[in-house]
């Protein structure tokens, strides 16, 4: 898989989806929402957790994002 390839090449963390996501959702995530959390004050795992937690109030269409968008690698990366 592409995520395994990145990790084998020395990438510390890879974020990816295991399923296709809605186009509007992906656009919103990539152009703005994602960058409000990364880089965060803690680890990349903490930032992704905060992002997924905050999407609960955005509606049912974000439900799939929480389950299909995953972190591969070390979730403690970037921890102070």
PDB file of N, CA and C in Angstrom:
ATOM      1  N   UNK A   1       0.835  -1.191   0.000  1.00  0.00           N
ATOM      2  CA  UNK A   1       0.000   0.000   0.000  1.00  0.00           C
ATOM      3  C   UNK A   1       0.878   1.252   0.000  1.00  0.00           C
ATOM      4  N   UNK A   2       0.288   2.361  -0.342  1.00  0.00           N
ATOM      5  CA  UNK A   2       1.047   3.609  -0.394  1.00  0.00           C
ATOM      6  C   UNK A   2       1.518   4.022   1.003  1.00  0.00           C
ATOM      7  N   UNK A   3       0.669   3.817   2.013  1.00  0.00           N
ATOM      8  CA  UNK A   3       1.081   4.185   3.373  1.00  0.00           C
ATOM      9  C   UNK A   3       2.271   3.348   3.833  1.00  0.00           C
ATOM     10  N   UNK A   4       2.272   2.067   3.529  1.00  0.00           N
ATOM     11  CA  UNK A   4       3.406   1.213   3.891  1.00  0.00           C
ATOM     12  C   UNK A   4       4.673   1.654   3.173  1.00  0.00           C
ATOM     13  N   UNK A   5       4.542   2.054   1.920  1.00  0.00           N
ATOM     14  CA  UNK A   5       5.686   2.542   1.155  1.00  0.00           C
ATOM     15  C   UNK A   5       6.308   3.776   1.776  1.00  0.00           C
ATOM     16  N   UNK A   6       5.465   4.715   2.182  1.00  0.00           N
ATOM     17  CA  UNK A   6       5.972   5.917   2.845  1.00  0.00           C
ATOM     18  C   UNK A   6       6.678   5.563   4.148  1.00  0.00           C
ATOM     19  N   UNK A   7       6.070   4.702   4.948  1.00  0.00           N
ATOM     20  CA  UNK A   7       6.660   4.337   6.236  1.00  0.00           C
ATOM     21  C   UNK A   7       7.969   3.577   6.061  1.00  0.00           C
ATOM     22  N   UNK A   8       8.051   2.710   5.065  1.00  0.00           N
ATOM     23  CA  UNK A   8       9.298   1.989   4.784  1.00  0.00           C
ATOM     24  C   UNK A   8      10.403   2.938   4.343  1.00  0.00           C
ATOM     25  N   UNK A   9      10.012   4.061   3.750  1.00  0.00           N
ATOM     26  CA  UNK A   9      10.995   5.043   3.276  1.00  0.00           C
ATOM     27  C   UNK A   9      11.439   6.009   4.367  1.00  0.00           C
ATOM     28  N   UNK A  10      10.931   5.833   5.574  1.00  0.00           N
ATOM     29  CA  UNK A  10      11.366   6.659   6.687  1.00  0.00           C
ATOM     30  C   UNK A  10      10.396   7.731   7.137  1.00  0.00           C
ATOM     31  N   UNK A  11       9.233   7.798   6.538  1.00  0.00           N
ATOM     32  CA  UNK A  11       8.231   8.766   6.966  1.00  0.00           C
ATOM     33  C   UNK A  11       7.786   8.427   8.382  1.00  0.00           C
ATOM     34  N   UNK A  12       7.709   9.414   9.253  1.00  0.00           N
ATOM     35  CA  UNK A  12       7.339   9.166  10.651  1.00  0.00           C
ATOM     36  C   UNK A  12       5.840   8.949  10.808  1.00  0.00           C
ATOM     37  N   UNK A  13       5.039   9.692  10.050  1.00  0.00           N
ATOM     38  CA  UNK A  13       3.587   9.637  10.177  1.00  0.00           C
ATOM     39  C   UNK A  13       2.959   9.798   8.806  1.00  0.00           C
ATOM     40  N   UNK A  14       1.895   9.052   8.570  1.00  0.00           N
ATOM     41  CA  UNK A  14       1.146   9.153   7.320  1.00  0.00           C
ATOM     42  C   UNK A  14      -0.326   9.180   7.691  1.00  0.00           C
ATOM     43  N   UNK A  15      -1.070  10.143   7.167  1.00  0.00           N
ATOM     44  CA  UNK A  15      -2.507  10.221   7.380  1.00  0.00           C
ATOM     45  C   UNK A  15      -3.202   9.844   6.089  1.00  0.00           C
ATOM     46  N   UNK A  16      -4.166   8.938   6.174  1.00  0.00           N
ATOM     47  CA  UNK A  16      -4.857   8.516   4.970  1.00  0.00           C
ATOM     48  C   UNK A  16      -6.209   7.911   5.279  1.00  0.00           C
ATOM     49  N   UNK A  17      -7.016   7.781   4.247  1.00  0.00           N
ATOM     50  CA  UNK A  17      -8.357   7.217   4.376  1.00  0.00           C
ATOM     51  C   UNK A  17      -8.386   5.809   3.799  1.00  0.00           C
ATOM     52  N   UNK A  18      -9.117   4.934   4.457  1.00  0.00           N
ATOM     53  CA  UNK A  18      -9.264   3.565   3.978  1.00  0.00           C
ATOM     54  C   UNK A  18     -10.431   3.428   3.010  1.00  0.00           C
ATOM     55  N   UNK A  19     -11.254   4.447   2.906  1.00  0.00           N
ATOM     56  CA  UNK A  19     -12.397   4.475   1.994  1.00  0.00           C
ATOM     57  C   UNK A  19     -12.454   5.847   1.330  1.00  0.00           C
ATOM     58  N   UNK A  20     -13.137   5.920   0.205  1.00  0.00           N
ATOM     59  CA  UNK A  20     -13.347   7.213  -0.452  1.00  0.00           C
ATOM     60  C   UNK A  20     -14.254   8.069   0.417  1.00  0.00           C
ATOM     61  N   UNK A  21     -13.980   9.370   0.426  1.00  0.00           N
ATOM     62  CA  UNK A  21     -14.796  10.297   1.195  1.00  0.00           C
ATOM     63  C   UNK A  21     -15.531  11.221   0.232  1.00  0.00           C
ATOM     64  N   UNK A  22     -16.636  11.813   0.706  1.00  0.00           N
ATOM     65  CA  UNK A  22     -17.407  12.740  -0.103  1.00  0.00           C
ATOM     66  C   UNK A  22     -16.518  13.880  -0.578  1.00  0.00           C
ATOM     67  N   UNK A  23     -16.699  14.326  -1.801  1.00  0.00           N
ATOM     68  CA  UNK A  23     -15.867  15.377  -2.377  1.00  0.00           C
ATOM     69  C   UNK A  23     -15.925  16.659  -1.559  1.00  0.00           C
ATOM     70  N   UNK A  24     -17.126  17.107  -1.190  1.00  0.00           N
ATOM     71  CA  UNK A  24     -17.258  18.338  -0.408  1.00  0.00           C
ATOM     72  C   UNK A  24     -16.568  18.209   0.943  1.00  0.00           C
ATOM     73  N   UNK A  25     -16.693  17.054   1.550  1.00  0.00           N
ATOM     74  CA  UNK A  25     -16.061  16.799   2.838  1.00  0.00           C
ATOM     75  C   UNK A  25     -14.545  16.841   2.707  1.00  0.00           C
ATOM     76  N   UNK A  26     -14.028  16.194   1.691  1.00  0.00           N
ATOM     77  CA  UNK A  26     -12.584  16.186   1.456  1.00  0.00           C
ATOM     78  C   UNK A  26     -12.071  17.593   1.197  1.00  0.00           C
ATOM     79  N   UNK A  27     -12.806  18.357   0.408  1.00  0.00           N
ATOM     80  CA  UNK A  27     -12.409  19.733   0.088  1.00  0.00           C
ATOM     81  C   UNK A  27     -12.346  20.576   1.356  1.00  0.00           C
ATOM     82  N   UNK A  28     -13.373  20.479   2.194  1.00  0.00           N
ATOM     83  CA  UNK A  28     -13.414  21.229   3.448  1.00  0.00           C
ATOM     84  C   UNK A  28     -12.259  20.819   4.356  1.00  0.00           C
ATOM     85  N   UNK A  29     -11.988  19.534   4.413  1.00  0.00           N
ATOM     86  CA  UNK A  29     -10.919  19.018   5.266  1.00  0.00           C
ATOM     87  C   UNK A  29      -9.553  19.514   4.816  1.00  0.00           C
ATOM     88  N   UNK A  30      -9.264  19.394   3.533  1.00  0.00           N
ATOM     89  CA  UNK A  30      -7.938  19.716   3.006  1.00  0.00           C
ATOM     90  C   UNK A  30      -7.676  21.218   2.958  1.00  0.00           C
ATOM     91  N   UNK A  31      -8.671  22.015   2.616  1.00  0.00           N
ATOM     92  CA  UNK A  31      -8.432  23.447   2.429  1.00  0.00           C
ATOM     93  C   UNK A  31      -8.472  24.270   3.709  1.00  0.00           C
ATOM     94  N   UNK A  32      -9.026  23.748   4.772  1.00  0.00           N
ATOM     95  CA  UNK A  32      -9.100  24.593   5.952  1.00  0.00           C
ATOM     96  C   UNK A  32      -9.124  23.881   7.279  1.00  0.00           C
ATOM     97  N   UNK A  33     -10.088  23.031   7.454  1.00  0.00           N
ATOM     98  CA  UNK A  33     -10.313  22.424   8.762  1.00  0.00           C
ATOM     99  C   UNK A  33      -9.077  21.680   9.279  1.00  0.00           C
ATOM    100  N   UNK A  34      -8.453  20.896   8.431  1.00  0.00           N
ATOM    101  CA  UNK A  34      -7.283  20.106   8.807  1.00  0.00           C
ATOM    102  C   UNK A  34      -6.165  20.985   9.347  1.00  0.00           C
ATOM    103  N   UNK A  35      -5.914  22.111   8.705  1.00  0.00           N
ATOM    104  CA  UNK A  35      -4.769  22.960   9.053  1.00  0.00           C
ATOM    105  C   UNK A  35      -4.990  23.766  10.320  1.00  0.00           C
ATOM    106  N   UNK A  36      -6.208  23.766  10.860  1.00  0.00           N
ATOM    107  CA  UNK A  36      -6.439  24.407  12.155  1.00  0.00           C
ATOM    108  C   UNK A  36      -5.925  23.537  13.304  1.00  0.00           C
ATOM    109  N   UNK A  37      -5.674  22.280  13.012  1.00  0.00           N
ATOM    110  CA  UNK A  37      -5.241  21.331  14.043  1.00  0.00           C
ATOM    111  C   UNK A  37      -3.778  20.911  13.906  1.00  0.00           C
ATOM    112  N   UNK A  38      -3.235  20.997  12.713  1.00  0.00           N
ATOM    113  CA  UNK A  38      -1.862  20.548  12.459  1.00  0.00           C
ATOM    114  C   UNK A  38      -1.014  21.716  11.992  1.00  0.00           C
ATOM    115  N   UNK A  39       0.140  21.999  12.537  1.00  0.00           N
ATOM    116  CA  UNK A  39       0.657  21.328  13.726  1.00  0.00           C
ATOM    117  C   UNK A  39      -0.027  21.858  14.972  1.00  0.00           C
ATOM    118  N   UNK A  40      -0.276  20.987  15.908  1.00  0.00           N
ATOM    119  CA  UNK A  40      -0.910  21.377  17.161  1.00  0.00           C
ATOM    120  C   UNK A  40       0.115  21.484  18.272  1.00  0.00           C
ATOM    121  N   UNK A  41      -0.350  21.806  19.468  1.00  0.00           N
ATOM    122  CA  UNK A  41       0.575  21.957  20.588  1.00  0.00           C
ATOM    123  C   UNK A  41       1.125  20.629  21.117  1.00  0.00           C
ATOM    124  N   UNK A  42       0.456  19.520  20.795  1.00  0.00           N
ATOM    125  CA  UNK A  42       0.893  18.216  21.277  1.00  0.00           C
ATOM    126  C   UNK A  42       1.361  17.338  20.138  1.00  0.00           C
ATOM    127  N   UNK A  43       1.123  16.066  20.281  1.00  0.00           N
ATOM    128  CA  UNK A  43       1.538  15.103  19.267  1.00  0.00           C
ATOM    129  C   UNK A  43       0.562  15.108  18.093  1.00  0.00           C
ATOM    130  N   UNK A  44       0.960  14.478  17.005  1.00  0.00           N
ATOM    131  CA  UNK A  44       0.080  14.363  15.847  1.00  0.00           C
ATOM    132  C   UNK A  44      -1.145  13.515  16.201  1.00  0.00           C
ATOM    133  N   UNK A  45      -0.967  12.535  17.075  1.00  0.00           N
ATOM    134  CA  UNK A  45      -2.096  11.728  17.540  1.00  0.00           C
ATOM    135  C   UNK A  45      -3.099  12.561  18.318  1.00  0.00           C
ATOM    136  N   UNK A  46      -2.600  13.451  19.177  1.00  0.00           N
ATOM    137  CA  UNK A  46      -3.478  14.348  19.934  1.00  0.00           C
ATOM    138  C   UNK A  46      -4.241  15.283  18.999  1.00  0.00           C
ATOM    139  N   UNK A  47      -3.551  15.796  17.983  1.00  0.00           N
ATOM    140  CA  UNK A  47      -4.184  16.713  17.031  1.00  0.00           C
ATOM    141  C   UNK A  47      -5.275  16.008  16.237  1.00  0.00           C
ATOM    142  N   UNK A  48      -5.006  14.793  15.770  1.00  0.00           N
ATOM    143  CA  UNK A  48      -6.017  14.048  15.012  1.00  0.00           C
ATOM    144  C   UNK A  48      -7.195  13.694  15.905  1.00  0.00           C
ATOM    145  N   UNK A  49      -6.934  13.342  17.146  1.00  0.00           N
ATOM    146  CA  UNK A  49      -8.016  13.042  18.083  1.00  0.00           C
ATOM    147  C   UNK A  49      -8.901  14.275  18.289  1.00  0.00           C
ATOM    148  N   UNK A  50      -8.297  15.436  18.476  1.00  0.00           N
ATOM    149  CA  UNK A  50      -9.061  16.675  18.657  1.00  0.00           C
ATOM    150  C   UNK A  50      -9.899  16.980  17.423  1.00  0.00           C
ATOM    151  N   UNK A  51      -9.322  16.814  16.236  1.00  0.00           N
ATOM    152  CA  UNK A  51     -10.054  17.054  14.992  1.00  0.00           C
ATOM    153  C   UNK A  51     -11.253  16.118  14.888  1.00  0.00           C
ATOM    154  N   UNK A  52     -11.049  14.837  15.141  1.00  0.00           N
ATOM    155  CA  UNK A  52     -12.147  13.868  15.049  1.00  0.00           C
ATOM    156  C   UNK A  52     -13.216  14.139  16.101  1.00  0.00           C
ATOM    157  N   UNK A  53     -12.808  14.528  17.298  1.00  0.00           N
ATOM    158  CA  UNK A  53     -13.763  14.834  18.361  1.00  0.00           C
ATOM    159  C   UNK A  53     -14.606  16.051  17.994  1.00  0.00           C
ATOM    160  N   UNK A  54     -13.986  17.083  17.455  1.00  0.00           N
ATOM    161  CA  UNK A  54     -14.699  18.311  17.113  1.00  0.00           C
ATOM    162  C   UNK A  54     -15.652  18.146  15.937  1.00  0.00           C
ATOM    163  N   UNK A  55     -15.449  17.144  15.086  1.00  0.00           N
ATOM    164  CA  UNK A  55     -16.349  16.955  13.944  1.00  0.00           C
ATOM    165  C   UNK A  55     -17.683  16.338  14.344  1.00  0.00           C
ATOM    166  N   UNK A  56     -17.826  15.886  15.574  1.00  0.00           N
ATOM    167  CA  UNK A  56     -19.074  15.284  16.039  1.00  0.00           C
ATOM    168  C   UNK A  56     -20.243  16.248  15.852  1.00  0.00           C
ATOM    169  N   UNK A  57     -20.028  17.522  16.108  1.00  0.00           N
ATOM    170  CA  UNK A  57     -21.107  18.507  16.037  1.00  0.00           C
ATOM    171  C   UNK A  57     -21.408  18.969  14.610  1.00  0.00           C
ATOM    172  N   UNK A  58     -20.643  18.514  13.631  1.00  0.00           N
ATOM    173  CA  UNK A  58     -20.801  19.002  12.258  1.00  0.00           C
ATOM    174  C   UNK A  58     -21.828  18.237  11.438  1.00  0.00           C
ATOM    175  N   UNK A  59     -22.362  17.153  11.963  1.00  0.00           N
ATOM    176  CA  UNK A  59     -23.386  16.420  11.242  1.00  0.00           C
ATOM    177  C   UNK A  59     -22.969  15.002  10.902  1.00  0.00           C
ATOM    178  N   UNK A  60     -23.960  14.244  10.461  1.00  0.00           N
ATOM    179  CA  UNK A  60     -23.778  12.813  10.204  1.00  0.00           C
ATOM    180  C   UNK A  60     -22.787  12.523   9.086  1.00  0.00           C
ATOM    181  N   UNK A  61     -22.643  13.422   8.105  1.00  0.00           N
ATOM    182  CA  UNK A  61     -21.732  13.146   6.994  1.00  0.00           C
ATOM    183  C   UNK A  61     -20.275  13.074   7.452  1.00  0.00           C
ATOM    184  N   UNK A  62     -19.965  13.625   8.619  1.00  0.00           N
ATOM    185  CA  UNK A  62     -18.598  13.534   9.152  1.00  0.00           C
ATOM    186  C   UNK A  62     -18.366  12.219   9.887  1.00  0.00           C
ATOM    187  N   UNK A  63     -19.423  11.458  10.125  1.00  0.00           N
ATOM    188  CA  UNK A  63     -19.316  10.175  10.822  1.00  0.00           C
ATOM    189  C   UNK A  63     -18.322   9.254  10.123  1.00  0.00           C
ATOM    190  N   UNK A  64     -18.397   9.163   8.794  1.00  0.00           N
ATOM    191  CA  UNK A  64     -17.501   8.286   8.038  1.00  0.00           C
ATOM    192  C   UNK A  64     -16.052   8.750   8.143  1.00  0.00           C
ATOM    193  N   UNK A  65     -15.841  10.047   8.166  1.00  0.00           N
ATOM    194  CA  UNK A  65     -14.483  10.577   8.295  1.00  0.00           C
ATOM    195  C   UNK A  65     -13.808  10.033   9.550  1.00  0.00           C
ATOM    196  N   UNK A  66     -14.542  10.020  10.655  1.00  0.00           N
ATOM    197  CA  UNK A  66     -13.965   9.582  11.919  1.00  0.00           C
ATOM    198  C   UNK A  66     -13.483   8.141  11.868  1.00  0.00           C
ATOM    199  N   UNK A  67     -14.134   7.311  11.074  1.00  0.00           N
ATOM    200  CA  UNK A  67     -13.772   5.898  11.026  1.00  0.00           C
ATOM    201  C   UNK A  67     -12.831   5.543   9.884  1.00  0.00           C
ATOM    202  N   UNK A  68     -12.863   6.293   8.800  1.00  0.00           N
ATOM    203  CA  UNK A  68     -12.068   5.933   7.622  1.00  0.00           C
ATOM    204  C   UNK A  68     -10.737   6.668   7.528  1.00  0.00           C
ATOM    205  N   UNK A  69     -10.589   7.778   8.216  1.00  0.00           N
ATOM    206  CA  UNK A  69      -9.366   8.570   8.155  1.00  0.00           C
ATOM    207  C   UNK A  69      -8.469   8.138   9.308  1.00  0.00           C
ATOM    208  N   UNK A  70      -7.292   7.619   8.988  1.00  0.00           N
ATOM    209  CA  UNK A  70      -6.441   6.998  10.000  1.00  0.00           C
ATOM    210  C   UNK A  70      -5.026   7.547   9.992  1.00  0.00           C
ATOM    211  N   UNK A  71      -4.368   7.364  11.116  1.00  0.00           N
ATOM    212  CA  UNK A  71      -2.972   7.729  11.279  1.00  0.00           C
ATOM    213  C   UNK A  71      -2.146   6.445  11.244  1.00  0.00           C
ATOM    214  N   UNK A  72      -1.136   6.440  10.395  1.00  0.00           N
ATOM    215  CA  UNK A  72      -0.207   5.319  10.317  1.00  0.00           C
ATOM    216  C   UNK A  72       1.150   5.829  10.777  1.00  0.00           C
ATOM    217  N   UNK A  73       1.807   5.089  11.618  1.00  0.00           N
ATOM    218  CA  UNK A  73       3.093   5.516  12.155  1.00  0.00           C
ATOM    219  C   UNK A  73       2.989   5.767  13.648  1.00  0.00           C
ATOM    220  N   UNK A  74       3.833   6.631  14.161  1.00  0.00           N
ATOM    221  CA  UNK A  74       3.917   6.887  15.594  1.00  0.00           C
ATOM    222  C   UNK A  74       3.002   8.038  15.997  1.00  0.00           C
ATOM    223  N   UNK A  75       1.896   7.757  16.722  1.00  0.00           N
ATOM    224  CA  UNK A  75       0.973   8.827  17.112  1.00  0.00           C
ATOM    225  C   UNK A  75       1.583   9.826  18.093  1.00  0.00           C
ATOM    226  N   UNK A  76       2.716   9.484  18.697  1.00  0.00           N
ATOM    227  CA  UNK A  76       3.378  10.402  19.630  1.00  0.00           C
ATOM    228  C   UNK A  76       4.315  11.370  18.917  1.00  0.00           C
ATOM    229  N   UNK A  77       4.447  11.256  17.595  1.00  0.00           N
ATOM    230  CA  UNK A  77       5.351  12.121  16.831  1.00  0.00           C
ATOM    231  C   UNK A  77       4.984  13.586  17.046  1.00  0.00           C
ATOM    232  N   UNK A  78       5.979  14.398  17.329  1.00  0.00           N
ATOM    233  CA  UNK A  78       5.757  15.824  17.555  1.00  0.00           C
ATOM    234  C   UNK A  78       5.457  16.177  18.992  1.00  0.00           C
ATOM    235  N   UNK A  79       5.407  15.178  19.849  1.00  0.00           N
ATOM    236  CA  UNK A  79       5.115  15.427  21.258  1.00  0.00           C
ATOM    237  C   UNK A  79       6.257  16.210  21.889  1.00  0.00           C
ATOM    238  N   UNK A  80       5.900  17.259  22.638  1.00  0.00           N
ATOM    239  CA  UNK A  80       6.961  18.065  23.269  1.00  0.00           C
ATOM    240  C   UNK A  80       7.730  17.280  24.316  1.00  0.00           C
TER     241      UNK A  80
END
